[in-house]
Protein backbone atom coordinates (compact mmCIF):
# COMPACT_ATOMS: atom_id res chain seq x y z
CA MET A 1 0.00 0.00 0.00
CA ASN A 2 1.25 3.51 -0.72
CA ALA A 3 0.50 6.95 0.73
CA GLN A 4 -1.98 7.86 -2.02
CA GLN A 5 -4.00 4.70 -1.39
CA ALA A 6 -4.01 5.28 2.39
CA ARG A 7 -5.05 8.91 1.84
CA ALA A 8 -7.94 7.78 -0.38
CA LEU A 9 -9.15 5.35 2.31
CA ALA A 10 -8.99 8.02 5.02
CA LEU A 11 -10.75 10.64 2.90
CA GLY A 12 -13.34 8.05 1.86
CA LEU A 13 -14.83 8.18 5.35
CA PRO A 14 -17.91 10.45 5.49
CA GLY A 15 -16.89 14.10 5.72
CA ALA A 16 -13.21 13.41 6.44
CA VAL A 17 -10.84 16.26 5.68
CA GLU A 18 -7.07 16.51 5.36
CA LYS A 19 -5.19 19.33 7.10
CA PRO A 20 -1.58 19.98 8.09
CA HIS A 21 -0.61 19.06 11.64
CA HIS A 22 2.90 20.25 12.50
CA GLU A 23 5.18 18.32 10.09
CA LEU A 24 2.49 15.67 9.48
CA THR A 25 -0.68 15.55 7.45
CA SER A 26 -3.79 14.81 9.49
CA PHE A 27 -7.14 13.26 8.71
CA ARG A 28 -9.94 14.78 10.73
CA LEU A 29 -13.60 14.45 11.51
CA PRO A 30 -15.85 17.09 9.97
CA GLY A 31 -17.14 20.03 11.99
CA ALA A 32 -15.82 22.65 14.33
CA LYS A 33 -13.92 20.27 16.59
CA GLY A 34 -12.17 18.51 13.70
CA ARG A 35 -10.79 15.71 15.87
CA ILE A 36 -7.80 13.93 14.36
CA PHE A 37 -8.34 10.22 13.73
CA ALA A 38 -5.07 9.57 11.85
CA THR A 39 -1.87 11.25 10.69
CA MET A 40 0.72 10.42 8.04
CA THR A 41 4.43 11.13 7.97
CA PRO A 42 5.74 13.54 5.31
CA ASP A 43 7.45 10.74 3.38
CA GLY A 44 4.22 8.72 3.35
CA THR A 45 5.78 5.59 4.81
CA GLU A 46 3.89 5.56 8.10
CA LEU A 47 0.21 6.02 8.96
CA ARG A 48 -0.57 6.71 12.62
CA VAL A 49 -4.07 5.72 13.67
CA PHE A 50 -5.56 6.72 17.02
CA ILE A 51 -7.20 3.64 18.53
CA LYS A 52 -8.53 4.16 22.06
CA ASP A 53 -9.44 0.58 22.99
CA GLU A 54 -6.35 -1.10 24.48
CA ASP A 55 -7.47 -4.67 23.81
CA SER A 56 -8.16 -3.82 20.20
CA ARG A 57 -4.77 -2.13 19.80
CA ASP A 58 -3.03 -5.21 21.21
CA ALA A 59 -5.02 -7.52 18.94
CA TRP A 60 -4.06 -5.50 15.84
CA ILE A 61 -0.39 -5.50 16.87
CA ASP A 62 -0.45 -9.29 17.41
CA ARG A 63 -2.45 -10.04 14.26
CA GLU A 64 -0.42 -7.79 11.95
CA ALA A 65 3.09 -8.20 13.41
CA GLY A 66 5.72 -6.36 11.42
CA VAL A 67 3.12 -3.98 9.96
CA VAL A 68 1.24 -2.60 12.99
CA GLU A 69 3.26 -1.27 15.92
CA PRO A 70 2.37 0.61 19.12
CA LEU A 71 2.10 4.40 18.84
CA PHE A 72 3.18 6.45 21.85
CA TRP A 73 2.46 10.04 22.86
CA GLY A 74 5.21 10.49 25.43
CA ALA A 75 4.87 7.48 27.72
CA LYS A 76 1.19 6.93 26.86
CA ARG A 77 0.12 4.48 24.16
CA CYS A 78 -2.45 6.29 22.02
CA GLY A 79 -2.86 4.13 18.95
CA VAL A 80 -0.96 2.20 16.34
CA LYS A 81 1.39 3.02 13.51
CA LEU A 82 1.27 1.16 10.25
CA LEU A 83 4.25 0.63 7.99
CA LEU A 84 2.41 1.25 4.74
CA ALA A 85 4.74 -0.61 2.39
CA ASN A 86 3.71 -3.91 4.02
CA ALA A 87 0.11 -3.04 4.96
CA ARG A 88 -2.90 -4.76 3.44
CA PRO A 89 -5.68 -2.40 2.26
CA GLY A 90 -8.27 -4.26 4.35
CA CYS A 91 -6.22 -3.75 7.51
CA VAL A 92 -5.74 -0.03 6.83
CA LYS A 93 -9.41 0.47 6.01
CA ALA A 94 -10.57 -1.35 9.16
CA LEU A 95 -8.21 0.58 11.44
CA LEU A 96 -9.21 3.94 9.95
CA ALA A 97 -12.91 3.10 10.31
CA GLN A 98 -12.42 2.04 13.93
CA SER A 99 -10.55 5.24 14.77
CA TRP A 100 -13.21 7.28 12.96
CA ARG A 101 -15.94 5.73 15.13
CA GLU A 102 -13.97 5.92 18.39
CA ASN A 103 -13.23 9.59 17.84
CA GLY A 104 -16.84 10.56 17.23
CA GLY A 105 -17.54 9.91 13.56
CA PRO A 106 -20.70 8.28 12.31
CA ASP A 107 -20.64 4.55 11.79
CA ALA A 108 -18.18 4.02 8.92
């Protein structure tokens, strides 16, 4: 999977928008709050997806070893990062949809 394909999946969620976020690009929920549900590195090699449910994060990391890794914000685990070159489209789509829902989006 490449950055353009991941971007298309993220923006395919209802009302999703893309905006800069520091050195990253972010994918956000629509509306005034514009909560971020995922970000991508400038080189497009890594997609960071904000998954709140710990059990779900661990399951993704176990199921997709070598592709899905823990994502930390300081010492706190806040989601997962995907190495896009090895990621399957179904995995990326499912993670983005889960983050979308957990962060307040309509059922994706």
